[in-house]
Amino acid sequence: MEAEFDPHDKASWYFGPLNREETNNILMKARENGTFLVRDSQSIKGDFVLSIKQDSNVNHYIINKIQAVGNFQYRIGDQQFPDMATLLQFYKSHHLNTTALVKVAPKTTEKVIASYVFAGQVLTHASFIGGNGDPSLCVKKNSTAFSEMYFVKLSIKLGEGI
């Protein structure tokens, strides 16, 4: 089966601080073996976990982030890689136990409404104002990080029930 993901698109495969139970819930809903995500390790601060659906189970593989000469390397088992994208590219065509990486797990959408107008002061801050100054609804793809955002005009006024 041909892999359907871009290993350089960190926003798609990196889920941040998910715990094992949340990860299992996400991946058990996936139909396809080889569906995966990368999350922060809960047991080893600074390391990561590659979680993958394999044969109707979810397996978790620790990825050690290790200091190398002048940079970091990423190690999974006895394999070492210069970056996470190279690691994921490798496992597109090599099995982790029984399955190669095929596709990224879908991220859930979370909707939030700004109670107050907030104009971001720097590029990394998200403004909660639409293009015409009206309060807007912000939809983000990942509940743990602002990976993608969309603004649409609200159909209610602030102070009314939702």
N, C-alpha and C. Protein backbone atom coordinates (compact mmCIF):
# COMPACT_ATOMS: atom_id res chain seq x y z
N MET A 1 0.83 -1.18 0.00
CA MET A 1 0.00 0.00 0.00
C MET A 1 0.88 1.25 0.00
N GLU A 2 0.54 2.21 -0.81
CA GLU A 2 1.32 3.44 -0.95
C GLU A 2 1.03 4.39 0.22
N ALA A 3 2.09 4.92 0.83
CA ALA A 3 1.93 5.87 1.94
C ALA A 3 1.33 7.17 1.43
N GLU A 4 0.44 7.76 2.24
CA GLU A 4 -0.31 8.94 1.85
C GLU A 4 -0.02 10.15 2.72
N PHE A 5 1.23 10.41 3.06
CA PHE A 5 1.51 11.57 3.92
C PHE A 5 2.85 12.19 3.56
N ASP A 6 3.01 13.45 3.96
CA ASP A 6 4.24 14.20 3.74
C ASP A 6 5.00 14.25 5.07
N PRO A 7 6.15 13.59 5.17
CA PRO A 7 6.88 13.57 6.44
C PRO A 7 7.40 14.95 6.86
N HIS A 8 7.43 15.90 5.94
CA HIS A 8 7.87 17.26 6.28
C HIS A 8 6.74 18.13 6.83
N ASP A 9 5.50 17.64 6.76
CA ASP A 9 4.35 18.39 7.25
C ASP A 9 4.09 18.08 8.72
N LYS A 10 4.90 18.67 9.59
CA LYS A 10 4.84 18.38 11.03
C LYS A 10 3.45 18.67 11.60
N ALA A 11 2.78 19.69 11.11
CA ALA A 11 1.45 20.05 11.63
C ALA A 11 0.45 18.91 11.44
N SER A 12 0.68 18.05 10.46
CA SER A 12 -0.27 16.97 10.21
C SER A 12 -0.04 15.78 11.15
N TRP A 13 1.21 15.41 11.42
CA TRP A 13 1.49 14.19 12.17
C TRP A 13 1.85 14.40 13.64
N TYR A 14 2.22 15.62 14.02
CA TYR A 14 2.61 15.87 15.42
C TYR A 14 1.38 16.31 16.22
N PHE A 15 1.02 15.53 17.24
CA PHE A 15 -0.17 15.78 18.05
C PHE A 15 0.14 16.40 19.40
N GLY A 16 1.41 16.60 19.74
CA GLY A 16 1.76 17.26 21.00
C GLY A 16 1.55 16.38 22.22
N PRO A 17 1.05 16.99 23.31
CA PRO A 17 0.97 16.28 24.60
C PRO A 17 -0.27 15.39 24.78
N LEU A 18 -0.43 14.42 23.94
CA LEU A 18 -1.51 13.43 24.09
C LEU A 18 -1.03 12.32 25.02
N ASN A 19 -1.94 11.77 25.81
CA ASN A 19 -1.55 10.62 26.62
C ASN A 19 -1.86 9.33 25.85
N ARG A 20 -1.46 8.21 26.40
CA ARG A 20 -1.61 6.92 25.73
C ARG A 20 -3.07 6.58 25.48
N GLU A 21 -3.94 6.84 26.45
CA GLU A 21 -5.36 6.51 26.30
C GLU A 21 -6.00 7.33 25.17
N GLU A 22 -5.72 8.63 25.13
CA GLU A 22 -6.25 9.48 24.05
C GLU A 22 -5.74 9.00 22.69
N THR A 23 -4.46 8.63 22.66
CA THR A 23 -3.85 8.14 21.43
C THR A 23 -4.53 6.85 20.97
N ASN A 24 -4.73 5.93 21.89
CA ASN A 24 -5.40 4.67 21.54
C ASN A 24 -6.80 4.92 21.00
N ASN A 25 -7.54 5.84 21.62
CA ASN A 25 -8.89 6.17 21.15
C ASN A 25 -8.88 6.70 19.73
N ILE A 26 -7.95 7.57 19.42
CA ILE A 26 -7.84 8.14 18.07
C ILE A 26 -7.51 7.05 17.05
N LEU A 27 -6.49 6.25 17.36
CA LEU A 27 -6.01 5.27 16.38
C LEU A 27 -6.92 4.06 16.23
N MET A 28 -7.65 3.69 17.27
CA MET A 28 -8.56 2.55 17.14
C MET A 28 -9.76 2.89 16.26
N LYS A 29 -10.05 4.18 16.09
CA LYS A 29 -11.13 4.60 15.19
C LYS A 29 -10.70 4.52 13.73
N ALA A 30 -9.41 4.48 13.49
CA ALA A 30 -8.89 4.43 12.12
C ALA A 30 -9.18 3.06 11.51
N ARG A 31 -9.54 3.05 10.26
CA ARG A 31 -9.84 1.79 9.57
C ARG A 31 -8.59 1.06 9.13
N GLU A 32 -7.56 1.81 8.82
CA GLU A 32 -6.42 1.26 8.11
C GLU A 32 -5.21 1.00 9.01
N ASN A 33 -4.64 -0.20 8.91
CA ASN A 33 -3.35 -0.45 9.55
C ASN A 33 -2.32 0.49 8.94
N GLY A 34 -1.40 0.96 9.77
CA GLY A 34 -0.39 1.91 9.31
C GLY A 34 -0.77 3.35 9.58
N THR A 35 -1.98 3.59 10.12
CA THR A 35 -2.36 4.94 10.53
C THR A 35 -1.57 5.27 11.78
N PHE A 36 -1.01 6.48 11.86
CA PHE A 36 -0.08 6.80 12.94
C PHE A 36 -0.19 8.25 13.37
N LEU A 37 0.49 8.56 14.47
CA LEU A 37 0.70 9.92 14.92
C LEU A 37 1.97 9.95 15.75
N VAL A 38 2.52 11.14 15.93
CA VAL A 38 3.67 11.34 16.80
C VAL A 38 3.21 12.26 17.93
N ARG A 39 3.56 11.90 19.15
CA ARG A 39 3.16 12.68 20.32
C ARG A 39 4.35 12.83 21.26
N ASP A 40 4.20 13.72 22.23
CA ASP A 40 5.23 13.87 23.26
C ASP A 40 5.20 12.66 24.18
N SER A 41 6.37 12.22 24.61
CA SER A 41 6.45 11.13 25.58
C SER A 41 5.98 11.65 26.94
N GLN A 42 5.14 10.89 27.59
CA GLN A 42 4.66 11.24 28.93
C GLN A 42 5.66 10.79 30.00
N SER A 43 6.50 9.81 29.68
CA SER A 43 7.41 9.26 30.68
C SER A 43 8.83 9.81 30.58
N ILE A 44 9.25 10.22 29.40
CA ILE A 44 10.61 10.74 29.22
C ILE A 44 10.52 12.13 28.60
N LYS A 45 10.62 13.16 29.42
CA LYS A 45 10.48 14.54 28.96
C LYS A 45 11.48 14.85 27.85
N GLY A 46 10.99 15.42 26.76
CA GLY A 46 11.84 15.78 25.63
C GLY A 46 11.87 14.73 24.53
N ASP A 47 11.43 13.51 24.84
CA ASP A 47 11.36 12.46 23.84
C ASP A 47 9.97 12.40 23.23
N PHE A 48 9.81 11.57 22.24
CA PHE A 48 8.54 11.46 21.52
C PHE A 48 8.12 10.00 21.45
N VAL A 49 6.88 9.79 21.02
CA VAL A 49 6.36 8.44 20.82
C VAL A 49 5.72 8.39 19.44
N LEU A 50 6.08 7.39 18.67
CA LEU A 50 5.42 7.10 17.40
C LEU A 50 4.39 6.02 17.69
N SER A 51 3.13 6.37 17.55
CA SER A 51 2.03 5.43 17.82
C SER A 51 1.41 5.04 16.49
N ILE A 52 1.19 3.74 16.29
CA ILE A 52 0.73 3.25 15.00
C ILE A 52 -0.29 2.13 15.20
N LYS A 53 -1.32 2.14 14.37
CA LYS A 53 -2.30 1.06 14.38
C LYS A 53 -1.72 -0.11 13.60
N GLN A 54 -1.63 -1.27 14.27
CA GLN A 54 -1.07 -2.48 13.66
C GLN A 54 -1.93 -3.67 14.03
N ASP A 55 -2.46 -4.35 13.05
CA ASP A 55 -3.22 -5.58 13.29
C ASP A 55 -4.28 -5.42 14.38
N SER A 56 -5.12 -4.42 14.26
CA SER A 56 -6.22 -4.14 15.19
C SER A 56 -5.76 -3.78 16.61
N ASN A 57 -4.49 -3.43 16.77
CA ASN A 57 -3.95 -2.94 18.04
C ASN A 57 -3.26 -1.61 17.79
N VAL A 58 -2.91 -0.93 18.87
CA VAL A 58 -2.08 0.27 18.77
C VAL A 58 -0.77 -0.02 19.47
N ASN A 59 0.33 0.18 18.76
CA ASN A 59 1.65 -0.01 19.34
C ASN A 59 2.33 1.35 19.45
N HIS A 60 3.15 1.49 20.50
CA HIS A 60 3.81 2.75 20.80
C HIS A 60 5.31 2.53 20.80
N TYR A 61 6.03 3.34 20.03
CA TYR A 61 7.49 3.22 19.92
C TYR A 61 8.13 4.52 20.39
N ILE A 62 9.00 4.42 21.38
CA ILE A 62 9.67 5.60 21.90
C ILE A 62 10.70 6.10 20.89
N ILE A 63 10.73 7.40 20.70
CA ILE A 63 11.73 8.06 19.85
C ILE A 63 12.57 8.91 20.79
N ASN A 64 13.83 8.54 20.97
CA ASN A 64 14.73 9.29 21.82
C ASN A 64 15.34 10.46 21.04
N LYS A 65 15.24 11.63 21.61
CA LYS A 65 15.89 12.82 21.05
C LYS A 65 17.23 12.93 21.75
N ILE A 66 18.31 12.70 21.00
CA ILE A 66 19.63 12.66 21.63
C ILE A 66 20.53 13.75 21.07
N GLN A 67 21.36 14.29 21.95
CA GLN A 67 22.30 15.34 21.57
C GLN A 67 23.44 14.72 20.77
N ALA A 68 23.64 15.23 19.56
CA ALA A 68 24.77 14.80 18.74
C ALA A 68 25.69 16.00 18.59
N VAL A 69 26.74 15.87 17.82
CA VAL A 69 27.68 16.96 17.63
C VAL A 69 26.98 18.14 16.94
N GLY A 70 26.69 19.19 17.69
CA GLY A 70 26.12 20.41 17.13
C GLY A 70 24.62 20.37 16.82
N ASN A 71 23.96 19.24 17.03
CA ASN A 71 22.52 19.17 16.75
C ASN A 71 21.91 17.98 17.48
N PHE A 72 20.66 17.72 17.18
CA PHE A 72 19.97 16.57 17.77
C PHE A 72 19.79 15.48 16.73
N GLN A 73 19.71 14.25 17.19
CA GLN A 73 19.40 13.09 16.37
C GLN A 73 18.17 12.43 17.00
N TYR A 74 17.48 11.64 16.21
CA TYR A 74 16.29 10.94 16.68
C TYR A 74 16.51 9.45 16.51
N ARG A 75 16.36 8.71 17.62
CA ARG A 75 16.63 7.27 17.60
C ARG A 75 15.38 6.49 17.97
N ILE A 76 15.08 5.50 17.16
CA ILE A 76 14.00 4.57 17.44
C ILE A 76 14.60 3.17 17.30
N GLY A 77 14.58 2.41 18.39
CA GLY A 77 15.27 1.12 18.38
C GLY A 77 16.75 1.32 18.14
N ASP A 78 17.30 0.61 17.15
CA ASP A 78 18.72 0.75 16.84
C ASP A 78 18.95 1.65 15.62
N GLN A 79 17.91 2.29 15.13
CA GLN A 79 18.02 3.20 13.97
C GLN A 79 18.12 4.65 14.45
N GLN A 80 19.00 5.42 13.82
CA GLN A 80 19.18 6.82 14.20
C GLN A 80 19.03 7.69 12.96
N PHE A 81 18.39 8.86 13.13
CA PHE A 81 18.05 9.74 12.00
C PHE A 81 18.39 11.19 12.35
N PRO A 82 18.72 12.00 11.32
CA PRO A 82 19.08 13.39 11.58
C PRO A 82 17.88 14.28 11.93
N ASP A 83 16.67 13.86 11.57
CA ASP A 83 15.48 14.64 11.88
C ASP A 83 14.26 13.73 11.83
N MET A 84 13.14 14.25 12.32
CA MET A 84 11.93 13.44 12.40
C MET A 84 11.38 13.11 11.01
N ALA A 85 11.50 14.04 10.07
CA ALA A 85 11.00 13.78 8.71
C ALA A 85 11.73 12.60 8.07
N THR A 86 13.03 12.50 8.28
CA THR A 86 13.80 11.38 7.73
C THR A 86 13.39 10.07 8.39
N LEU A 87 13.14 10.11 9.68
CA LEU A 87 12.67 8.92 10.40
C LEU A 87 11.34 8.44 9.82
N LEU A 88 10.39 9.36 9.64
CA LEU A 88 9.07 8.99 9.11
C LEU A 88 9.18 8.51 7.67
N GLN A 89 10.04 9.14 6.88
CA GLN A 89 10.25 8.71 5.49
C GLN A 89 10.78 7.27 5.45
N PHE A 90 11.70 6.95 6.33
CA PHE A 90 12.26 5.61 6.40
C PHE A 90 11.16 4.58 6.69
N TYR A 91 10.30 4.89 7.65
CA TYR A 91 9.26 3.93 8.03
C TYR A 91 8.04 3.94 7.11
N LYS A 92 8.07 4.75 6.06
CA LYS A 92 7.08 4.62 4.99
C LYS A 92 7.33 3.33 4.21
N SER A 93 8.59 2.93 4.11
CA SER A 93 8.93 1.76 3.30
C SER A 93 9.54 0.61 4.11
N HIS A 94 9.67 0.80 5.43
CA HIS A 94 10.18 -0.25 6.31
C HIS A 94 9.16 -0.48 7.43
N HIS A 95 8.95 -1.72 7.77
CA HIS A 95 7.96 -2.06 8.79
C HIS A 95 8.47 -1.77 10.19
N LEU A 96 7.58 -1.27 11.01
CA LEU A 96 7.75 -1.23 12.46
C LEU A 96 6.98 -2.43 12.96
N ASN A 97 7.65 -3.47 13.32
CA ASN A 97 7.02 -4.73 13.70
C ASN A 97 6.32 -5.34 12.47
N THR A 98 5.04 -5.05 12.24
CA THR A 98 4.32 -5.70 11.14
C THR A 98 3.82 -4.74 10.06
N THR A 99 3.95 -3.43 10.28
CA THR A 99 3.31 -2.47 9.40
C THR A 99 4.19 -1.26 9.15
N ALA A 100 4.20 -0.78 7.93
CA ALA A 100 4.86 0.49 7.60
C ALA A 100 3.88 1.64 7.87
N LEU A 101 4.40 2.86 7.91
CA LEU A 101 3.54 4.04 8.08
C LEU A 101 2.80 4.30 6.78
N VAL A 102 1.49 4.45 6.84
CA VAL A 102 0.68 4.64 5.65
C VAL A 102 0.02 6.01 5.61
N LYS A 103 -0.65 6.37 6.69
CA LYS A 103 -1.34 7.67 6.71
C LYS A 103 -1.39 8.21 8.12
N VAL A 104 -1.52 9.53 8.20
CA VAL A 104 -1.59 10.22 9.48
C VAL A 104 -3.01 10.11 10.03
N ALA A 105 -3.11 9.94 11.33
CA ALA A 105 -4.41 9.93 12.00
C ALA A 105 -5.08 11.29 11.82
N PRO A 106 -6.39 11.32 11.68
CA PRO A 106 -7.08 12.60 11.54
C PRO A 106 -7.10 13.36 12.87
N LYS A 107 -6.99 14.67 12.77
CA LYS A 107 -7.08 15.52 13.96
C LYS A 107 -8.51 16.00 14.11
N THR A 108 -8.92 16.14 15.35
CA THR A 108 -10.26 16.62 15.62
C THR A 108 -10.32 18.14 15.48
N THR A 109 -11.49 18.64 15.17
CA THR A 109 -11.69 20.08 15.03
C THR A 109 -12.31 20.61 16.31
N GLU A 110 -11.81 21.72 16.77
CA GLU A 110 -12.36 22.37 17.96
C GLU A 110 -12.80 23.77 17.57
N LYS A 111 -13.97 24.16 18.00
CA LYS A 111 -14.49 25.49 17.71
C LYS A 111 -14.41 26.33 18.98
N VAL A 112 -13.94 27.55 18.83
CA VAL A 112 -13.89 28.47 19.97
C VAL A 112 -14.45 29.81 19.54
N ILE A 113 -15.03 30.54 20.49
CA ILE A 113 -15.57 31.86 20.22
C ILE A 113 -14.88 32.84 21.15
N ALA A 114 -14.40 33.93 20.60
CA ALA A 114 -13.75 34.95 21.40
C ALA A 114 -14.81 35.75 22.14
N SER A 115 -14.61 35.95 23.44
CA SER A 115 -15.52 36.79 24.22
C SER A 115 -15.16 38.26 24.06
N TYR A 116 -13.93 38.53 23.74
CA TYR A 116 -13.44 39.89 23.59
C TYR A 116 -12.63 39.97 22.30
N VAL A 117 -12.53 41.16 21.76
CA VAL A 117 -11.69 41.38 20.59
C VAL A 117 -10.24 41.24 21.04
N PHE A 118 -9.48 40.43 20.33
CA PHE A 118 -8.07 40.25 20.64
C PHE A 118 -7.28 40.37 19.35
N ALA A 119 -6.44 41.38 19.28
CA ALA A 119 -5.57 41.56 18.13
C ALA A 119 -4.19 41.03 18.50
N GLY A 120 -3.70 40.03 17.79
CA GLY A 120 -2.38 39.48 18.06
C GLY A 120 -1.31 40.54 17.88
N GLN A 121 -0.36 40.58 18.80
CA GLN A 121 0.69 41.58 18.76
C GLN A 121 1.90 41.16 17.92
N VAL A 122 2.07 39.85 17.75
CA VAL A 122 3.17 39.34 16.93
C VAL A 122 2.59 38.28 15.99
N LEU A 123 3.36 37.89 15.01
CA LEU A 123 2.86 36.94 14.00
C LEU A 123 2.40 35.61 14.57
N THR A 124 2.97 35.18 15.70
CA THR A 124 2.60 33.89 16.26
C THR A 124 1.31 33.95 17.08
N HIS A 125 0.77 35.15 17.32
CA HIS A 125 -0.49 35.28 18.05
C HIS A 125 -1.64 35.31 17.06
N ALA A 126 -2.70 34.63 17.40
CA ALA A 126 -3.88 34.59 16.54
C ALA A 126 -4.84 35.71 16.94
N SER A 127 -5.25 36.51 15.98
CA SER A 127 -6.24 37.54 16.25
C SER A 127 -7.63 36.94 16.20
N PHE A 128 -8.51 37.40 17.09
CA PHE A 128 -9.89 36.98 17.09
C PHE A 128 -10.74 38.13 16.58
N ILE A 129 -10.45 38.55 15.36
CA ILE A 129 -11.21 39.60 14.69
C ILE A 129 -11.25 39.22 13.22
N GLY A 130 -12.42 39.33 12.61
CA GLY A 130 -12.53 39.07 11.19
C GLY A 130 -11.98 40.23 10.38
N GLY A 131 -11.93 40.09 9.08
CA GLY A 131 -11.39 41.12 8.22
C GLY A 131 -12.13 42.44 8.30
N ASN A 132 -13.43 42.42 8.65
CA ASN A 132 -14.20 43.66 8.73
C ASN A 132 -14.38 44.13 10.17
N GLY A 133 -13.68 43.51 11.13
CA GLY A 133 -13.76 43.93 12.52
C GLY A 133 -14.85 43.25 13.32
N ASP A 134 -15.69 42.42 12.67
CA ASP A 134 -16.74 41.71 13.40
C ASP A 134 -16.13 40.54 14.16
N PRO A 135 -16.69 40.23 15.34
CA PRO A 135 -16.21 39.02 16.04
C PRO A 135 -16.38 37.81 15.14
N SER A 136 -15.44 36.91 15.22
CA SER A 136 -15.44 35.76 14.32
C SER A 136 -15.32 34.46 15.09
N LEU A 137 -15.71 33.40 14.45
CA LEU A 137 -15.55 32.06 14.99
C LEU A 137 -14.22 31.52 14.50
N CYS A 138 -13.44 30.98 15.41
CA CYS A 138 -12.13 30.43 15.07
C CYS A 138 -12.22 28.92 15.10
N VAL A 139 -11.87 28.27 14.04
CA VAL A 139 -11.85 26.81 13.99
C VAL A 139 -10.41 26.39 13.80
N LYS A 140 -9.94 25.51 14.67
CA LYS A 140 -8.57 25.03 14.54
C LYS A 140 -8.57 23.53 14.38
N LYS A 141 -7.61 23.01 13.63
CA LYS A 141 -7.57 21.57 13.33
C LYS A 141 -7.11 20.74 14.52
N ASN A 142 -6.27 21.28 15.35
CA ASN A 142 -5.67 20.49 16.42
C ASN A 142 -5.97 21.14 17.75
N SER A 143 -6.55 20.40 18.67
CA SER A 143 -6.93 20.96 19.96
C SER A 143 -5.73 21.27 20.85
N THR A 144 -4.54 20.79 20.51
CA THR A 144 -3.37 21.05 21.34
C THR A 144 -2.48 22.14 20.77
N ALA A 145 -2.73 22.59 19.55
CA ALA A 145 -1.90 23.63 18.95
C ALA A 145 -2.66 24.30 17.83
N PHE A 146 -2.35 25.56 17.56
CA PHE A 146 -2.96 26.27 16.45
C PHE A 146 -2.21 25.93 15.17
N SER A 147 -2.52 24.80 14.57
CA SER A 147 -1.82 24.41 13.36
C SER A 147 -2.44 25.05 12.13
N GLU A 148 -3.76 25.13 12.09
CA GLU A 148 -4.46 25.80 11.00
C GLU A 148 -5.68 26.47 11.58
N MET A 149 -5.99 27.66 11.11
CA MET A 149 -7.14 28.38 11.62
C MET A 149 -7.96 28.93 10.48
N TYR A 150 -9.24 29.00 10.69
CA TYR A 150 -10.16 29.54 9.70
C TYR A 150 -11.10 30.50 10.41
N PHE A 151 -11.38 31.63 9.79
CA PHE A 151 -12.28 32.60 10.40
C PHE A 151 -13.53 32.73 9.56
N VAL A 152 -14.68 32.69 10.22
CA VAL A 152 -15.96 32.87 9.54
C VAL A 152 -16.82 33.80 10.38
N LYS A 153 -17.72 34.52 9.74
CA LYS A 153 -18.58 35.46 10.43
C LYS A 153 -19.55 34.72 11.35
N LEU A 154 -19.67 35.20 12.59
CA LEU A 154 -20.61 34.62 13.54
C LEU A 154 -22.04 34.97 13.17
N SER A 155 -22.95 34.06 13.43
CA SER A 155 -24.36 34.33 13.16
C SER A 155 -25.09 34.75 14.44
N ILE A 156 -24.35 34.91 15.56
CA ILE A 156 -24.94 35.39 16.80
C ILE A 156 -24.16 36.60 17.28
N LYS A 157 -24.77 37.38 18.13
CA LYS A 157 -24.07 38.52 18.72
C LYS A 157 -23.58 38.10 20.10
N LEU A 158 -22.48 38.70 20.55
CA LEU A 158 -21.95 38.39 21.87
C LEU A 158 -23.01 38.71 22.91
N GLY A 159 -23.10 37.91 23.94
CA GLY A 159 -24.10 38.09 24.99
C GLY A 159 -25.32 37.22 24.78
N GLU A 160 -25.53 36.75 23.54
CA GLU A 160 -26.64 35.83 23.27
C GLU A 160 -26.17 34.41 23.56
N GLY A 161 -27.09 33.52 23.75
CA GLY A 161 -26.74 32.11 23.97
C GLY A 161 -26.19 31.47 22.72
N ILE A 162 -25.49 30.40 22.90
CA ILE A 162 -24.92 29.69 21.75
C ILE A 162 -25.76 28.48 21.44
